[in-house]
Amino acid sequence: MITASVVTYNHHLLDIEPVLRSLFASPVDVVYIIDHSADIMPDLERELMEFSNRVLTGEPQLRRKVEMGFHLLYFRHENNGYGGGHNFAIRKAITLGSKYHLVVNPDIWFGPRVIPELKRYMDLHDDVAQMMPKVLYPNGQIQRLAKLLPTPIDIFGRFCLPHFMIARRNARYELFYSNFEMVLNVPYLSGCFMFFRLSALQSVNLFDENLFMYAEDIDVTRRLHEKYKTLYYPLIPVYHKFSRGSHSSFRLFWIHVTNIIMYFNKWGWWKDSFRKEANKRVEEQIAEGGISESNPFAVKKATLKPLFTKLKIKSR
């Protein structure tokens, strides 16, 4: 069984319609909508059900999916953060016996090949706990969302320092020299699209609900990465609007900063031996050309070492 959850906050049906259509067209058995809206949106549940009834009865393939037990479930939930909202859905998925669970943002959409390909790979490789595909802007440009574990300079330098001062360090942190085409075992995968093996996620106690937003994805990937593989898998794409709310809202900026401070208080600011070793292993993978798609234990002897010296760093 595959389940999925979407946490919404003051979203309307039109905002989440693309991700819903993507999930309807994928082999997902149950979709949980967790509504954290500040104000009660009395029409959202009704609109969701009317929309799903209309779409799911609109073609034979989707009607068969409903007949086989597909459900779209809506929950109005106290806002206990991004990870907390998804934990609510994940616990319900666990009770259903789900094997895989997709945590996905409301502003994501993707084609019908994505979930089957991730499932195929994880079915073959039991030690893979989490995967994230290539993430693109709507115009097709790459989003650099698979990263090394951050140091304080990596995070706060992006907020405070001019681009030219942080560019080289930022390129390393965002794995620029991988050319974003390698399958890599990465310790930090973005929370916008997280495909989990639920047994592995249970073993690390799900998301840390003390981290309200913005650092919960670093934390959960890191904890999984200590015990399993957490893969960036660029062989399939998804699309993400990526609004960067903390860059335009002081409230979200403060939440971002507060949660990053909590993350470093938890794992260490300057002394973090796991961070050092995990990041070193990723750079070694890049130097060797990444992980072979057919065998995650084999490393390709590739021709990408020159990227470290030949690629020029571009401004965002």
Protein backbone atom coordinates (compact mmCIF):
# COMPACT_ATOMS: atom_id res chain seq x y z
CA MET A 1 0.00 0.00 0.00
CA ILE A 2 1.12 3.55 -0.79
CA THR A 3 -0.28 6.55 1.07
CA ALA A 4 0.36 10.28 0.77
CA SER A 5 -0.23 13.42 2.80
CA VAL A 6 -0.52 17.10 1.94
CA VAL A 7 -0.48 19.74 4.69
CA THR A 8 -2.34 22.89 3.70
CA TYR A 9 -2.39 26.37 5.24
CA ASN A 10 -4.97 28.83 3.93
CA HIS A 11 -4.92 27.03 0.59
CA HIS A 12 -7.89 26.96 -1.76
CA LEU A 13 -8.84 24.11 -4.05
CA LEU A 14 -7.19 25.76 -7.05
CA ASP A 15 -3.89 25.90 -5.14
CA ILE A 16 -3.78 22.15 -4.55
CA GLU A 17 -5.57 20.88 -7.67
CA PRO A 18 -2.31 20.05 -9.55
CA VAL A 19 -0.93 17.87 -6.75
CA LEU A 20 -4.31 16.16 -6.33
CA ARG A 21 -4.49 15.32 -10.03
CA SER A 22 -0.93 13.97 -9.83
CA LEU A 23 -1.84 11.76 -6.87
CA PHE A 24 -5.08 10.58 -8.50
CA ALA A 25 -3.10 9.46 -11.57
CA SER A 26 -0.55 7.59 -9.43
CA PRO A 27 -0.80 4.23 -7.61
CA VAL A 28 -1.58 5.91 -4.28
CA ASP A 29 -4.28 4.22 -2.20
CA VAL A 30 -5.10 6.93 0.35
CA VAL A 31 -4.47 10.68 0.26
CA TYR A 32 -4.68 12.65 3.52
CA ILE A 33 -5.33 16.39 3.36
CA ILE A 34 -4.30 17.94 6.71
CA ASP A 35 -5.70 21.48 6.96
CA HIS A 36 -3.71 23.79 9.25
CA SER A 37 -5.46 26.97 8.09
CA ALA A 38 -5.46 29.89 10.50
CA ASP A 39 -9.15 30.52 9.83
CA ILE A 40 -11.80 27.90 9.26
CA MET A 41 -12.32 27.44 5.54
CA PRO A 42 -15.78 25.86 5.50
CA ASP A 43 -15.86 25.35 1.75
CA LEU A 44 -12.55 23.53 1.34
CA GLU A 45 -13.73 20.09 2.44
CA ARG A 46 -16.88 20.35 0.33
CA GLU A 47 -14.90 21.59 -2.70
CA LEU A 48 -12.38 18.78 -2.28
CA MET A 49 -15.04 16.12 -2.22
CA GLU A 50 -16.94 17.61 -5.16
CA PHE A 51 -13.72 17.89 -7.13
CA SER A 52 -12.59 14.36 -6.36
CA ASN A 53 -16.01 12.89 -7.17
CA ARG A 54 -16.05 14.71 -10.49
CA VAL A 55 -12.50 13.78 -11.49
CA LEU A 56 -12.48 10.22 -10.19
CA THR A 57 -15.71 9.33 -11.96
CA GLY A 58 -14.65 11.04 -15.16
CA GLU A 59 -12.78 8.11 -16.72
CA PRO A 60 -12.90 4.32 -16.37
CA GLN A 61 -9.36 3.93 -15.04
CA LEU A 62 -9.98 6.30 -12.14
CA ARG A 63 -13.41 4.78 -11.44
CA ARG A 64 -11.71 1.40 -11.10
CA LYS A 65 -9.27 2.94 -8.68
CA VAL A 66 -12.13 4.09 -6.46
CA GLU A 67 -13.77 0.68 -6.72
CA MET A 68 -10.51 -0.86 -5.50
CA GLY A 69 -10.62 1.27 -2.33
CA PHE A 70 -8.97 4.63 -3.06
CA HIS A 71 -9.84 7.34 -0.51
CA LEU A 72 -9.28 11.09 -0.25
CA LEU A 73 -9.55 12.01 3.44
CA TYR A 74 -9.75 15.54 4.84
CA PHE A 75 -8.82 16.48 8.43
CA ARG A 76 -9.07 19.88 10.03
CA HIS A 77 -6.09 19.84 12.42
CA GLU A 78 -4.47 22.10 14.98
CA ASN A 79 -1.40 23.72 13.45
CA ASN A 80 1.46 21.86 15.11
CA GLY A 81 3.90 22.47 12.27
CA TYR A 82 4.75 20.85 8.96
CA GLY A 83 6.21 17.69 10.46
CA GLY A 84 3.47 17.48 13.08
CA GLY A 85 0.73 17.61 10.46
CA HIS A 86 2.37 14.91 8.39
CA ASN A 87 2.99 12.79 11.49
CA PHE A 88 -0.77 12.83 12.10
CA ALA A 89 -1.33 11.36 8.63
CA ILE A 90 1.64 8.99 8.85
CA ARG A 91 0.34 7.44 12.06
CA LYS A 92 -2.98 6.78 10.34
CA ALA A 93 -1.14 5.28 7.36
CA ILE A 94 0.80 2.98 9.67
CA THR A 95 -2.43 1.67 11.20
CA LEU A 96 -3.65 0.87 7.66
CA GLY A 97 -0.52 -1.18 6.98
CA SER A 98 0.94 1.17 4.36
CA LYS A 99 4.45 0.25 3.15
CA TYR A 100 5.40 3.56 1.53
CA HIS A 101 4.28 7.09 2.30
CA LEU A 102 4.73 10.27 0.27
CA VAL A 103 5.07 13.61 2.04
CA VAL A 104 4.41 16.24 -0.59
CA ASN A 105 3.93 20.02 -0.74
CA PRO A 106 0.69 21.57 -2.04
CA ASP A 107 2.66 23.32 -4.82
CA ILE A 108 4.11 20.15 -6.42
CA TRP A 109 2.92 18.28 -9.50
CA PHE A 110 4.32 15.29 -11.36
CA GLY A 111 3.62 12.65 -13.98
CA PRO A 112 2.26 9.13 -13.54
CA ARG A 113 5.71 7.48 -13.86
CA VAL A 114 7.17 9.03 -10.72
CA ILE A 115 5.63 6.98 -7.90
CA PRO A 116 5.89 3.62 -9.73
CA GLU A 117 9.59 4.26 -10.41
CA LEU A 118 10.36 5.18 -6.80
CA LYS A 119 8.44 2.14 -5.58
CA ARG A 120 10.25 -0.12 -8.08
CA TYR A 121 13.63 1.06 -6.87
CA MET A 122 12.80 0.76 -3.18
CA ASP A 123 11.27 -2.68 -3.70
CA LEU A 124 14.64 -3.78 -5.09
CA HIS A 125 16.76 -2.13 -2.40
CA ASP A 126 15.65 -2.77 1.16
CA ASP A 127 18.23 -0.45 2.71
CA VAL A 128 16.82 2.66 1.00
CA ALA A 129 14.57 4.55 3.41
CA GLN A 130 13.86 7.77 1.55
CA MET A 131 14.01 9.09 -2.01
CA MET A 132 13.59 12.43 -3.71
CA PRO A 133 13.48 12.85 -7.51
CA LYS A 134 14.88 15.74 -9.51
CA VAL A 135 12.89 18.88 -8.61
CA LEU A 136 12.34 21.50 -11.32
CA TYR A 137 10.86 24.97 -11.45
CA PRO A 138 7.80 25.24 -13.72
CA ASN A 139 10.10 26.59 -16.47
CA GLY A 140 12.26 23.46 -16.28
CA GLN A 141 15.23 24.91 -14.41
CA ILE A 142 16.76 22.76 -11.69
CA GLN A 143 16.07 23.37 -8.01
CA ARG A 144 19.10 22.54 -5.86
CA LEU A 145 17.25 20.72 -3.08
CA ALA A 146 19.57 17.79 -2.33
CA LYS A 147 22.31 19.11 -0.05
CA LEU A 148 25.08 18.37 2.37
CA LEU A 149 24.35 18.65 6.08
CA PRO A 150 24.68 22.38 6.76
CA THR A 151 27.12 24.22 8.96
CA PRO A 152 25.99 27.49 10.56
CA ILE A 153 27.90 29.40 7.88
CA ASP A 154 26.09 27.49 5.12
CA ILE A 155 22.69 28.53 6.51
CA PHE A 156 23.22 31.99 7.95
CA GLY A 157 25.69 33.02 5.26
CA ARG A 158 22.88 32.69 2.71
CA PHE A 159 20.83 35.15 4.74
CA CYS A 160 23.53 37.62 5.70
CA LEU A 161 26.46 37.60 3.28
CA PRO A 162 26.74 38.93 -0.30
CA HIS A 163 26.51 36.21 -2.94
CA PHE A 164 30.13 36.57 -4.10
CA MET A 165 31.37 35.82 -0.57
CA ILE A 166 29.35 32.64 -0.19
CA ALA A 167 29.16 31.42 -3.81
CA ARG A 168 31.90 28.78 -3.72
CA ARG A 169 30.81 27.43 -0.36
CA ASN A 170 27.16 27.48 -1.48
CA ALA A 171 28.02 25.50 -4.62
CA ARG A 172 29.62 22.80 -2.46
CA TYR A 173 26.67 22.78 -0.03
CA GLU A 174 24.12 22.48 -2.87
CA LEU A 175 26.11 19.75 -4.69
CA PHE A 176 26.56 21.95 -7.74
CA TYR A 177 29.49 19.85 -8.93
CA SER A 178 27.29 16.79 -9.29
CA ASN A 179 25.59 18.52 -12.25
CA PHE A 180 22.35 17.29 -10.57
CA GLU A 181 22.35 14.17 -12.74
CA MET A 182 23.86 11.59 -10.37
CA VAL A 183 22.06 9.17 -8.10
CA LEU A 184 23.53 10.07 -4.70
CA ASN A 185 23.16 8.94 -1.11
CA VAL A 186 22.55 12.38 0.42
CA PRO A 187 22.02 13.31 4.11
CA TYR A 188 19.65 16.24 3.44
CA LEU A 189 16.67 15.97 1.08
CA SER A 190 14.05 18.70 0.80
CA GLY A 191 10.71 18.29 2.54
CA CYS A 192 8.79 19.32 -0.57
CA PHE A 193 8.79 15.69 -1.83
CA MET A 194 9.82 12.88 0.51
CA PHE A 195 9.05 9.27 -0.46
CA PHE A 196 9.51 7.17 2.70
CA ARG A 197 9.69 3.51 3.58
CA LEU A 198 7.38 3.61 6.59
CA SER A 199 9.12 0.87 8.57
CA ALA A 200 12.34 2.89 8.41
CA LEU A 201 10.57 6.14 9.29
CA GLN A 202 8.98 4.43 12.30
CA SER A 203 12.41 3.27 13.45
CA VAL A 204 13.53 6.91 13.84
CA ASN A 205 10.23 8.07 15.41
CA LEU A 206 8.89 10.09 12.45
CA PHE A 207 9.37 13.89 12.23
CA ASP A 208 10.64 15.80 15.27
CA GLU A 209 7.61 17.92 16.18
CA ASN A 210 9.77 20.33 18.18
CA LEU A 211 10.96 21.65 14.82
CA PHE A 212 7.89 23.53 13.63
CA MET A 213 8.99 24.26 10.07
CA TYR A 214 12.03 24.63 7.77
CA ALA A 215 14.47 22.37 9.67
CA GLU A 216 12.32 19.27 10.07
CA ASP A 217 13.41 17.91 6.68
CA ILE A 218 17.13 18.26 7.49
CA ASP A 219 16.56 16.52 10.80
CA VAL A 220 14.48 13.57 9.57
CA THR A 221 16.72 12.85 6.57
CA ARG A 222 19.77 13.02 8.80
CA ARG A 223 18.32 10.52 11.29
CA LEU A 224 17.35 8.14 8.48
CA HIS A 225 20.75 8.60 6.83
CA GLU A 226 22.45 7.34 9.98
CA LYS A 227 20.80 3.92 9.53
CA TYR A 228 19.75 3.69 5.84
CA LYS A 229 20.32 5.17 2.42
CA THR A 230 18.51 8.42 1.57
CA LEU A 231 18.72 8.91 -2.17
CA TYR A 232 18.57 11.81 -4.56
CA TYR A 233 17.21 10.12 -7.71
CA PRO A 234 17.34 12.51 -10.69
CA LEU A 235 16.17 10.00 -13.31
CA ILE A 236 12.58 11.27 -12.97
CA PRO A 237 11.38 14.88 -12.47
CA VAL A 238 8.72 16.63 -10.41
CA TYR A 239 7.74 20.32 -10.62
CA HIS A 240 7.64 22.78 -7.73
CA LYS A 241 6.55 26.43 -7.59
CA PHE A 242 8.82 27.08 -4.55
CA SER A 243 7.51 30.36 -3.13
CA ARG A 244 10.35 31.01 -0.59
CA GLY A 245 7.91 32.34 1.99
CA SER A 246 10.58 33.13 4.59
CA HIS A 247 12.19 35.59 2.15
CA SER A 248 9.05 37.72 1.91
CA SER A 249 7.43 37.38 5.35
CA PHE A 250 9.12 38.50 8.57
CA ARG A 251 7.01 36.03 10.56
CA LEU A 252 8.12 33.10 8.39
CA PHE A 253 11.71 34.39 8.39
CA TRP A 254 11.69 34.39 12.20
CA ILE A 255 10.21 30.87 12.28
CA HIS A 256 12.94 29.77 9.87
CA VAL A 257 15.75 31.27 11.96
CA THR A 258 14.31 29.96 15.24
CA ASN A 259 14.03 26.41 13.95
CA ILE A 260 17.51 26.42 12.44
CA ILE A 261 18.86 27.50 15.83
CA MET A 262 16.95 24.63 17.43
CA TYR A 263 18.42 22.24 14.84
CA PHE A 264 22.00 23.30 15.63
CA ASN A 265 21.30 23.20 19.36
CA LYS A 266 20.20 19.58 18.87
CA TRP A 267 23.04 18.35 16.67
CA GLY A 268 25.92 20.74 17.33
CA TRP A 269 27.01 24.07 15.91
CA TRP A 270 30.70 23.68 15.10
CA LYS A 271 31.50 20.20 16.40
CA ASP A 272 29.46 17.57 14.55
CA SER A 273 31.46 14.50 13.61
CA PHE A 274 28.55 12.81 11.80
CA ARG A 275 28.07 15.87 9.59
CA LYS A 276 31.74 15.87 8.67
CA GLU A 277 31.80 12.18 7.75
CA ALA A 278 28.44 12.17 5.92
CA ASN A 279 29.40 15.18 3.80
CA LYS A 280 32.78 13.68 3.00
CA ARG A 281 31.10 10.50 1.73
CA VAL A 282 28.82 12.51 -0.58
CA GLU A 283 31.77 14.36 -2.08
CA GLU A 284 33.54 11.06 -2.65
CA GLN A 285 30.44 9.78 -4.48
CA ILE A 286 30.42 12.86 -6.71
CA ALA A 287 34.11 12.47 -7.51
CA GLU A 288 33.42 8.86 -8.57
CA GLY A 289 30.37 9.72 -10.68
CA GLY A 290 27.53 8.79 -8.32
CA ILE A 291 25.72 5.55 -7.54
CA SER A 292 24.82 3.12 -10.30
CA GLU A 293 21.05 3.01 -10.83
CA SER A 294 21.08 -0.74 -11.23
CA ASN A 295 23.12 -1.40 -8.07
CA PRO A 296 23.14 1.16 -5.24
CA PHE A 297 26.26 -0.40 -3.75
CA ALA A 298 28.29 -0.03 -6.94
CA VAL A 299 29.89 3.29 -7.79
CA LYS A 300 30.33 4.28 -11.41
CA LYS A 301 33.82 5.16 -12.52
CA ALA A 302 32.66 8.27 -14.28
CA THR A 303 34.20 11.18 -16.13
CA LEU A 304 32.82 13.92 -13.89
CA LYS A 305 35.87 14.65 -11.74
CA PRO A 306 36.84 17.62 -13.96
CA LEU A 307 33.59 19.34 -12.91
CA PHE A 308 35.34 20.39 -9.71
CA THR A 309 37.64 22.65 -11.68
CA LYS A 310 35.86 23.39 -14.95
CA LEU A 311 32.32 24.36 -13.91
CA LYS A 312 31.72 28.03 -13.29
CA ILE A 313 29.45 29.02 -10.44
CA LYS A 314 26.37 30.89 -11.61
CA SER A 315 24.35 33.33 -9.58
CA ARG A 316 20.81 32.38 -8.73
